[in-house]
Amino acid sequence: MDSYTDVCRLCSSTHDLLWVFDKKLPGAATISLKDIIFAISGVEIHYKDVISQKICSECYQLAKITYGFREMSIKSNKILKVAIIPLQAD
């Protein structure tokens, strides 16, 4: 095992690793997994990185849940703001 490339980039696990450039999240067809990871964690993963470009299946599941929560929150916030702005004008 090469300790810098065969670990999860997010938690350092060595089990059930997935290359981030192979996976897409369901319902996120327009955004890559690497961009989702950056949006939820601030970790940037690039194709030419010399350190791991993999995440474990557990972090993949957490990314799906976290990204879903993020998107739901943003959507709800937009809906509430649109609903409240006319009330503020009165």
PDB file of N, CA and C in Angstrom:
ATOM      1  N   MET A   1       0.837  -1.194   0.000  1.00  0.00           N
ATOM      2  CA  MET A   1       0.000   0.000   0.000  1.00  0.00           C
ATOM      3  C   MET A   1       0.871   1.242   0.000  1.00  0.00           C
ATOM      4  N   ASP A   2       0.609   2.132  -0.906  1.00  0.00           N
ATOM      5  CA  ASP A   2       1.257   3.437  -0.905  1.00  0.00           C
ATOM      6  C   ASP A   2       0.435   4.333   0.014  1.00  0.00           C
ATOM      7  N   SER A   3       0.990   4.708   1.149  1.00  0.00           N
ATOM      8  CA  SER A   3       0.230   5.381   2.207  1.00  0.00           C
ATOM      9  C   SER A   3      -0.350   6.720   1.804  1.00  0.00           C
ATOM     10  N   TYR A   4       0.115   7.297   0.732  1.00  0.00           N
ATOM     11  CA  TYR A   4      -0.402   8.601   0.323  1.00  0.00           C
ATOM     12  C   TYR A   4      -1.490   8.514  -0.745  1.00  0.00           C
ATOM     13  N   THR A   5      -1.617   7.380  -1.382  1.00  0.00           N
ATOM     14  CA  THR A   5      -2.597   7.257  -2.462  1.00  0.00           C
ATOM     15  C   THR A   5      -3.678   6.223  -2.203  1.00  0.00           C
ATOM     16  N   ASP A   6      -3.459   5.306  -1.298  1.00  0.00           N
ATOM     17  CA  ASP A   6      -4.423   4.236  -1.040  1.00  0.00           C
ATOM     18  C   ASP A   6      -5.141   4.417   0.292  1.00  0.00           C
ATOM     19  N   VAL A   7      -5.561   5.643   0.548  1.00  0.00           N
ATOM     20  CA  VAL A   7      -6.341   5.963   1.743  1.00  0.00           C
ATOM     21  C   VAL A   7      -7.468   6.900   1.349  1.00  0.00           C
ATOM     22  N   CYS A   8      -8.488   6.925   2.164  1.00  0.00           N
ATOM     23  CA  CYS A   8      -9.576   7.872   1.939  1.00  0.00           C
ATOM     24  C   CYS A   8      -9.047   9.280   2.171  1.00  0.00           C
ATOM     25  N   ARG A   9      -9.293  10.146   1.234  1.00  0.00           N
ATOM     26  CA  ARG A   9      -8.818  11.528   1.326  1.00  0.00           C
ATOM     27  C   ARG A   9      -9.494  12.277   2.472  1.00  0.00           C
ATOM     28  N   LEU A  10     -10.655  11.802   2.897  1.00  0.00           N
ATOM     29  CA  LEU A  10     -11.423  12.519   3.906  1.00  0.00           C
ATOM     30  C   LEU A  10     -11.252  11.974   5.317  1.00  0.00           C
ATOM     31  N   CYS A  11     -11.069  10.662   5.475  1.00  0.00           N
ATOM     32  CA  CYS A  11     -10.980  10.101   6.829  1.00  0.00           C
ATOM     33  C   CYS A  11      -9.770   9.197   7.047  1.00  0.00           C
ATOM     34  N   SER A  12      -8.981   8.960   6.012  1.00  0.00           N
ATOM     35  CA  SER A  12      -7.766   8.124   6.055  1.00  0.00           C
ATOM     36  C   SER A  12      -8.031   6.623   6.161  1.00  0.00           C
ATOM     37  N   SER A  13      -9.282   6.195   5.984  1.00  0.00           N
ATOM     38  CA  SER A  13      -9.587   4.761   5.969  1.00  0.00           C
ATOM     39  C   SER A  13      -8.912   4.114   4.758  1.00  0.00           C
ATOM     40  N   THR A  14      -8.667   2.817   4.860  1.00  0.00           N
ATOM     41  CA  THR A  14      -8.087   2.085   3.736  1.00  0.00           C
ATOM     42  C   THR A  14      -9.064   1.062   3.158  1.00  0.00           C
ATOM     43  N   HIS A  15     -10.307   1.081   3.596  1.00  0.00           N
ATOM     44  CA  HIS A  15     -11.301   0.082   3.185  1.00  0.00           C
ATOM     45  C   HIS A  15     -12.285   0.643   2.164  1.00  0.00           C
ATOM     46  N   ASP A  16     -12.673  -0.183   1.206  1.00  0.00           N
ATOM     47  CA  ASP A  16     -13.715   0.131   0.218  1.00  0.00           C
ATOM     48  C   ASP A  16     -13.509   1.499  -0.423  1.00  0.00           C
ATOM     49  N   LEU A  17     -12.350   1.687  -1.044  1.00  0.00           N
ATOM     50  CA  LEU A  17     -12.022   2.981  -1.632  1.00  0.00           C
ATOM     51  C   LEU A  17     -12.629   3.141  -3.023  1.00  0.00           C
ATOM     52  N   LEU A  18     -13.085   4.342  -3.303  1.00  0.00           N
ATOM     53  CA  LEU A  18     -13.680   4.696  -4.592  1.00  0.00           C
ATOM     54  C   LEU A  18     -12.925   5.894  -5.158  1.00  0.00           C
ATOM     55  N   TRP A  19     -12.579   5.825  -6.411  1.00  0.00           N
ATOM     56  CA  TRP A  19     -11.901   6.952  -7.056  1.00  0.00           C
ATOM     57  C   TRP A  19     -12.931   8.048  -7.297  1.00  0.00           C
ATOM     58  N   VAL A  20     -12.664   9.269  -6.854  1.00  0.00           N
ATOM     59  CA  VAL A  20     -13.677  10.328  -6.927  1.00  0.00           C
ATOM     60  C   VAL A  20     -14.055  10.701  -8.354  1.00  0.00           C
ATOM     61  N   PHE A  21     -13.201  10.410  -9.308  1.00  0.00           N
ATOM     62  CA  PHE A  21     -13.507  10.772 -10.688  1.00  0.00           C
ATOM     63  C   PHE A  21     -14.365   9.726 -11.395  1.00  0.00           C
ATOM     64  N   ASP A  22     -14.649   8.605 -10.720  1.00  0.00           N
ATOM     65  CA  ASP A  22     -15.507   7.556 -11.271  1.00  0.00           C
ATOM     66  C   ASP A  22     -16.945   7.641 -10.785  1.00  0.00           C
ATOM     67  N   LYS A  23     -17.184   8.334  -9.692  1.00  0.00           N
ATOM     68  CA  LYS A  23     -18.494   8.302  -9.046  1.00  0.00           C
ATOM     69  C   LYS A  23     -19.270   9.591  -9.249  1.00  0.00           C
ATOM     70  N   LYS A  24     -20.576   9.443  -9.331  1.00  0.00           N
ATOM     71  CA  LYS A  24     -21.517  10.566  -9.351  1.00  0.00           C
ATOM     72  C   LYS A  24     -22.522  10.321  -8.240  1.00  0.00           C
ATOM     73  N   LEU A  25     -23.029  11.385  -7.666  1.00  0.00           N
ATOM     74  CA  LEU A  25     -24.090  11.235  -6.677  1.00  0.00           C
ATOM     75  C   LEU A  25     -25.427  11.201  -7.386  1.00  0.00           C
ATOM     76  N   PRO A  26     -26.331  10.343  -6.953  1.00  0.00           N
ATOM     77  CA  PRO A  26     -27.670  10.335  -7.548  1.00  0.00           C
ATOM     78  C   PRO A  26     -28.327  11.704  -7.384  1.00  0.00           C
ATOM     79  N   GLY A  27     -28.910  12.207  -8.447  1.00  0.00           N
ATOM     80  CA  GLY A  27     -29.599  13.498  -8.408  1.00  0.00           C
ATOM     81  C   GLY A  27     -28.681  14.693  -8.538  1.00  0.00           C
ATOM     82  N   ALA A  28     -27.395  14.467  -8.738  1.00  0.00           N
ATOM     83  CA  ALA A  28     -26.447  15.581  -8.874  1.00  0.00           C
ATOM     84  C   ALA A  28     -25.713  15.456 -10.206  1.00  0.00           C
ATOM     85  N   ALA A  29     -26.472  15.333 -11.270  1.00  0.00           N
ATOM     86  CA  ALA A  29     -25.894  15.062 -12.584  1.00  0.00           C
ATOM     87  C   ALA A  29     -25.008  16.190 -13.092  1.00  0.00           C
ATOM     88  N   THR A  30     -25.240  17.411 -12.647  1.00  0.00           N
ATOM     89  CA  THR A  30     -24.486  18.533 -13.189  1.00  0.00           C
ATOM     90  C   THR A  30     -23.269  18.913 -12.351  1.00  0.00           C
ATOM     91  N   ILE A  31     -23.046  18.252 -11.242  1.00  0.00           N
ATOM     92  CA  ILE A  31     -21.906  18.572 -10.383  1.00  0.00           C
ATOM     93  C   ILE A  31     -21.117  17.298 -10.093  1.00  0.00           C
ATOM     94  N   SER A  32     -19.810  17.405 -10.201  1.00  0.00           N
ATOM     95  CA  SER A  32     -18.959  16.233 -10.002  1.00  0.00           C
ATOM     96  C   SER A  32     -18.793  15.919  -8.515  1.00  0.00           C
ATOM     97  N   LEU A  33     -18.401  14.699  -8.219  1.00  0.00           N
ATOM     98  CA  LEU A  33     -18.177  14.297  -6.840  1.00  0.00           C
ATOM     99  C   LEU A  33     -17.071  15.134  -6.208  1.00  0.00           C
ATOM    100  N   LYS A  34     -16.030  15.450  -6.965  1.00  0.00           N
ATOM    101  CA  LYS A  34     -14.951  16.267  -6.403  1.00  0.00           C
ATOM    102  C   LYS A  34     -15.456  17.654  -6.026  1.00  0.00           C
ATOM    103  N   ASP A  35     -16.388  18.199  -6.806  1.00  0.00           N
ATOM    104  CA  ASP A  35     -16.966  19.507  -6.495  1.00  0.00           C
ATOM    105  C   ASP A  35     -17.905  19.425  -5.289  1.00  0.00           C
ATOM    106  N   ILE A  36     -18.614  18.326  -5.171  1.00  0.00           N
ATOM    107  CA  ILE A  36     -19.480  18.115  -4.007  1.00  0.00           C
ATOM    108  C   ILE A  36     -18.628  18.012  -2.742  1.00  0.00           C
ATOM    109  N   ILE A  37     -17.531  17.261  -2.828  1.00  0.00           N
ATOM    110  CA  ILE A  37     -16.634  17.144  -1.680  1.00  0.00           C
ATOM    111  C   ILE A  37     -16.109  18.517  -1.279  1.00  0.00           C
ATOM    112  N   PHE A  38     -15.735  19.331  -2.246  1.00  0.00           N
ATOM    113  CA  PHE A  38     -15.252  20.676  -1.936  1.00  0.00           C
ATOM    114  C   PHE A  38     -16.358  21.518  -1.297  1.00  0.00           C
ATOM    115  N   ALA A  39     -17.577  21.431  -1.822  1.00  0.00           N
ATOM    116  CA  ALA A  39     -18.691  22.235  -1.304  1.00  0.00           C
ATOM    117  C   ALA A  39     -19.024  21.891   0.145  1.00  0.00           C
ATOM    118  N   ILE A  40     -18.902  20.622   0.498  1.00  0.00           N
ATOM    119  CA  ILE A  40     -19.300  20.229   1.857  1.00  0.00           C
ATOM    120  C   ILE A  40     -18.133  20.166   2.842  1.00  0.00           C
ATOM    121  N   SER A  41     -16.898  20.076   2.337  1.00  0.00           N
ATOM    122  CA  SER A  41     -15.771  19.904   3.264  1.00  0.00           C
ATOM    123  C   SER A  41     -14.647  20.913   3.092  1.00  0.00           C
ATOM    124  N   GLY A  42     -14.600  21.552   1.940  1.00  0.00           N
ATOM    125  CA  GLY A  42     -13.494  22.469   1.669  1.00  0.00           C
ATOM    126  C   GLY A  42     -12.249  21.766   1.147  1.00  0.00           C
ATOM    127  N   VAL A  43     -12.301  20.444   0.987  1.00  0.00           N
ATOM    128  CA  VAL A  43     -11.163  19.677   0.482  1.00  0.00           C
ATOM    129  C   VAL A  43     -11.217  19.669  -1.041  1.00  0.00           C
ATOM    130  N   GLU A  44     -10.144  20.148  -1.670  1.00  0.00           N
ATOM    131  CA  GLU A  44     -10.058  20.143  -3.132  1.00  0.00           C
ATOM    132  C   GLU A  44      -9.276  18.922  -3.589  1.00  0.00           C
ATOM    133  N   ILE A  45      -9.851  18.171  -4.509  1.00  0.00           N
ATOM    134  CA  ILE A  45      -9.184  17.002  -5.067  1.00  0.00           C
ATOM    135  C   ILE A  45      -9.029  17.239  -6.561  1.00  0.00           C
ATOM    136  N   HIS A  46      -7.786  17.169  -7.024  1.00  0.00           N
ATOM    137  CA  HIS A  46      -7.488  17.404  -8.431  1.00  0.00           C
ATOM    138  C   HIS A  46      -6.991  16.122  -9.090  1.00  0.00           C
ATOM    139  N   TYR A  47      -7.205  16.031 -10.379  1.00  0.00           N
ATOM    140  CA  TYR A  47      -6.837  14.848 -11.144  1.00  0.00           C
ATOM    141  C   TYR A  47      -5.340  14.554 -11.069  1.00  0.00           C
ATOM    142  N   LYS A  48      -4.529  15.580 -10.962  1.00  0.00           N
ATOM    143  CA  LYS A  48      -3.072  15.393 -10.946  1.00  0.00           C
ATOM    144  C   LYS A  48      -2.479  15.379  -9.539  1.00  0.00           C
ATOM    145  N   ASP A  49      -3.313  15.302  -8.510  1.00  0.00           N
ATOM    146  CA  ASP A  49      -2.811  15.247  -7.140  1.00  0.00           C
ATOM    147  C   ASP A  49      -1.896  14.033  -6.951  1.00  0.00           C
ATOM    148  N   VAL A  50      -0.833  14.209  -6.178  1.00  0.00           N
ATOM    149  CA  VAL A  50       0.060  13.087  -5.874  1.00  0.00           C
ATOM    150  C   VAL A  50      -0.374  12.365  -4.603  1.00  0.00           C
ATOM    151  N   ILE A  51      -1.329  12.938  -3.885  1.00  0.00           N
ATOM    152  CA  ILE A  51      -1.922  12.255  -2.743  1.00  0.00           C
ATOM    153  C   ILE A  51      -3.252  11.652  -3.180  1.00  0.00           C
ATOM    154  N   SER A  52      -3.897  10.957  -2.317  1.00  0.00           N
ATOM    155  CA  SER A  52      -5.080  10.170  -2.661  1.00  0.00           C
ATOM    156  C   SER A  52      -6.163  10.960  -3.384  1.00  0.00           C
ATOM    157  N   GLN A  53      -6.711  10.325  -4.376  1.00  0.00           N
ATOM    158  CA  GLN A  53      -7.867  10.839  -5.115  1.00  0.00           C
ATOM    159  C   GLN A  53      -9.064   9.925  -4.859  1.00  0.00           C
ATOM    160  N   LYS A  54      -9.045   9.262  -3.715  1.00  0.00           N
ATOM    161  CA  LYS A  54     -10.073   8.281  -3.375  1.00  0.00           C
ATOM    162  C   LYS A  54     -10.763   8.666  -2.075  1.00  0.00           C
ATOM    163  N   ILE A  55     -12.016   8.214  -1.967  1.00  0.00           N
ATOM    164  CA  ILE A  55     -12.717   8.294  -0.692  1.00  0.00           C
ATOM    165  C   ILE A  55     -13.303   6.917  -0.407  1.00  0.00           C
ATOM    166  N   CYS A  56     -13.552   6.641   0.852  1.00  0.00           N
ATOM    167  CA  CYS A  56     -14.115   5.341   1.208  1.00  0.00           C
ATOM    168  C   CYS A  56     -15.631   5.356   0.995  1.00  0.00           C
ATOM    169  N   SER A  57     -16.209   4.187   0.987  1.00  0.00           N
ATOM    170  CA  SER A  57     -17.652   4.082   0.751  1.00  0.00           C
ATOM    171  C   SER A  57     -18.445   4.757   1.872  1.00  0.00           C
ATOM    172  N   GLU A  58     -17.914   4.755   3.093  1.00  0.00           N
ATOM    173  CA  GLU A  58     -18.605   5.421   4.202  1.00  0.00           C
ATOM    174  C   GLU A  58     -18.630   6.942   3.996  1.00  0.00           C
ATOM    175  N   CYS A  59     -17.510   7.514   3.583  1.00  0.00           N
ATOM    176  CA  CYS A  59     -17.479   8.957   3.310  1.00  0.00           C
ATOM    177  C   CYS A  59     -18.336   9.301   2.085  1.00  0.00           C
ATOM    178  N   TYR A  60     -18.386   8.390   1.122  1.00  0.00           N
ATOM    179  CA  TYR A  60     -19.262   8.587  -0.036  1.00  0.00           C
ATOM    180  C   TYR A  60     -20.720   8.686   0.424  1.00  0.00           C
ATOM    181  N   GLN A  61     -21.125   7.793   1.326  1.00  0.00           N
ATOM    182  CA  GLN A  61     -22.495   7.832   1.847  1.00  0.00           C
ATOM    183  C   GLN A  61     -22.741   9.129   2.626  1.00  0.00           C
ATOM    184  N   LEU A  62     -21.773   9.539   3.433  1.00  0.00           N
ATOM    185  CA  LEU A  62     -21.894  10.806   4.172  1.00  0.00           C
ATOM    186  C   LEU A  62     -21.968  11.995   3.222  1.00  0.00           C
ATOM    187  N   ALA A  63     -21.208  11.945   2.146  1.00  0.00           N
ATOM    188  CA  ALA A  63     -21.245  13.023   1.151  1.00  0.00           C
ATOM    189  C   ALA A  63     -22.632  13.113   0.515  1.00  0.00           C
ATOM    190  N   LYS A  64     -23.229  11.954   0.207  1.00  0.00           N
ATOM    191  CA  LYS A  64     -24.582  11.953  -0.366  1.00  0.00           C
ATOM    192  C   LYS A  64     -25.577  12.597   0.594  1.00  0.00           C
ATOM    193  N   ILE A  65     -25.508  12.197   1.849  1.00  0.00           N
ATOM    194  CA  ILE A  65     -26.447  12.724   2.850  1.00  0.00           C
ATOM    195  C   ILE A  65     -26.212  14.214   3.070  1.00  0.00           C
ATOM    196  N   THR A  66     -24.965  14.590   3.251  1.00  0.00           N
ATOM    197  CA  THR A  66     -24.626  15.985   3.529  1.00  0.00           C
ATOM    198  C   THR A  66     -24.974  16.886   2.362  1.00  0.00           C
ATOM    199  N   TYR A  67     -24.673  16.442   1.149  1.00  0.00           N
ATOM    200  CA  TYR A  67     -24.996  17.254  -0.020  1.00  0.00           C
ATOM    201  C   TYR A  67     -26.510  17.378  -0.187  1.00  0.00           C
ATOM    202  N   GLY A  68     -27.234  16.298   0.067  1.00  0.00           N
ATOM    203  CA  GLY A  68     -28.694  16.355   0.015  1.00  0.00           C
ATOM    204  C   GLY A  68     -29.248  17.339   1.026  1.00  0.00           C
ATOM    205  N   PHE A  69     -28.703  17.320   2.241  1.00  0.00           N
ATOM    206  CA  PHE A  69     -29.119  18.263   3.281  1.00  0.00           C
ATOM    207  C   PHE A  69     -28.802  19.698   2.868  1.00  0.00           C
ATOM    208  N   ARG A  70     -27.621  19.908   2.306  1.00  0.00           N
ATOM    209  CA  ARG A  70     -27.211  21.240   1.856  1.00  0.00           C
ATOM    210  C   ARG A  70     -28.168  21.767   0.794  1.00  0.00           C
ATOM    211  N   GLU A  71     -28.461  20.943  -0.200  1.00  0.00           N
ATOM    212  CA  GLU A  71     -29.357  21.357  -1.282  1.00  0.00           C
ATOM    213  C   GLU A  71     -30.771  21.614  -0.767  1.00  0.00           C
ATOM    214  N   MET A  72     -31.274  20.758   0.118  1.00  0.00           N
ATOM    215  CA  MET A  72     -32.599  20.950   0.700  1.00  0.00           C
ATOM    216  C   MET A  72     -32.662  22.264   1.473  1.00  0.00           C
ATOM    217  N   SER A  73     -31.625  22.549   2.238  1.00  0.00           N
ATOM    218  CA  SER A  73     -31.587  23.773   3.036  1.00  0.00           C
ATOM    219  C   SER A  73     -31.570  25.020   2.159  1.00  0.00           C
ATOM    220  N   ILE A  74     -30.775  24.986   1.106  1.00  0.00           N
ATOM    221  CA  ILE A  74     -30.701  26.124   0.183  1.00  0.00           C
ATOM    222  C   ILE A  74     -32.044  26.339  -0.498  1.00  0.00           C
ATOM    223  N   LYS A  75     -32.668  25.256  -0.944  1.00  0.00           N
ATOM    224  CA  LYS A  75     -33.970  25.352  -1.606  1.00  0.00           C
ATOM    225  C   LYS A  75     -35.029  25.911  -0.653  1.00  0.00           C
ATOM    226  N   SER A  76     -35.080  25.394   0.547  1.00  0.00           N
ATOM    227  CA  SER A  76     -36.047  25.858   1.534  1.00  0.00           C
ATOM    228  C   SER A  76     -35.828  27.332   1.868  1.00  0.00           C
ATOM    229  N   ASN A  77     -34.584  27.720   2.029  1.00  0.00           N
ATOM    230  CA  ASN A  77     -34.260  29.110   2.323  1.00  0.00           C
ATOM    231  C   ASN A  77     -34.744  30.043   1.208  1.00  0.00           C
ATOM    232  N   LYS A  78     -34.545  29.640  -0.039  1.00  0.00           N
ATOM    233  CA  LYS A  78     -35.003  30.453  -1.174  1.00  0.00           C
ATOM    234  C   LYS A  78     -36.523  30.590  -1.169  1.00  0.00           C
ATOM    235  N   ILE A  79     -37.213  29.485  -0.916  1.00  0.00           N
ATOM    236  CA  ILE A  79     -38.677  29.506  -0.888  1.00  0.00           C
ATOM    237  C   ILE A  79     -39.175  30.433   0.221  1.00  0.00           C
ATOM    238  N   LEU A  80     -38.577  30.322   1.387  1.00  0.00           N
ATOM    239  CA  LEU A  80     -38.998  31.162   2.509  1.00  0.00           C
ATOM    240  C   LEU A  80     -38.716  32.637   2.257  1.00  0.00           C
ATOM    241  N   LYS A  81     -37.586  32.935   1.655  1.00  0.00           N
ATOM    242  CA  LYS A  81     -37.262  34.327   1.354  1.00  0.00           C
ATOM    243  C   LYS A  81     -38.232  34.921   0.341  1.00  0.00           C
ATOM    244  N   VAL A  82     -38.599  34.155  -0.661  1.00  0.00           N
ATOM    245  CA  VAL A  82     -39.558  34.626  -1.669  1.00  0.00           C
ATOM    246  C   VAL A  82     -40.919  34.861  -1.018  1.00  0.00           C
ATOM    247  N   ALA A  83     -41.287  34.003  -0.078  1.00  0.00           N
ATOM    248  CA  ALA A  83     -42.580  34.123   0.593  1.00  0.00           C
ATOM    249  C   ALA A  83     -42.608  35.313   1.545  1.00  0.00           C
ATOM    250  N   ILE A  84     -41.509  35.639   2.177  1.00  0.00           N
ATOM    251  CA  ILE A  84     -41.500  36.682   3.201  1.00  0.00           C
ATOM    252  C   ILE A  84     -41.248  38.070   2.622  1.00  0.00           C
ATOM    253  N   ILE A  85     -40.584  38.191   1.498  1.00  0.00           N
ATOM    254  CA  ILE A  85     -40.265  39.518   0.945  1.00  0.00           C
ATOM    255  C   ILE A  85     -41.522  40.328   0.658  1.00  0.00           C
ATOM    256  N   PRO A  86     -42.573  39.779   0.071  1.00  0.00           N
ATOM    257  CA  PRO A  86     -43.788  40.582  -0.123  1.00  0.00           C
ATOM    258  C   PRO A  86     -44.411  41.043   1.205  1.00  0.00           C
ATOM    259  N   LEU A  87     -44.279  40.234   2.255  1.00  0.00           N
ATOM    260  CA  LEU A  87     -44.835  40.619   3.550  1.00  0.00           C
ATOM    261  C   LEU A  87     -44.065  41.793   4.158  1.00  0.00           C
ATOM    262  N   GLN A  88     -42.807  41.882   3.906  1.00  0.00           N
ATOM    263  CA  GLN A  88     -41.996  42.971   4.427  1.00  0.00           C
ATOM    264  C   GLN A  88     -42.306  44.299   3.746  1.00  0.00           C
ATOM    265  N   ALA A  89     -42.791  44.247   2.517  1.00  0.00           N
ATOM    266  CA  ALA A  89     -43.107  45.458   1.767  1.00  0.00           C
ATOM    267  C   ALA A  89     -44.367  46.157   2.298  1.00  0.00           C
ATOM    268  N   ASP A  90     -45.223  45.408   2.981  1.00  0.00           N
ATOM    269  CA  ASP A  90     -46.475  45.980   3.502  1.00  0.00           C
ATOM    270  C   ASP A  90     -46.270  46.926   4.637  1.00  0.00           C
TER     271      ASP A  90
END
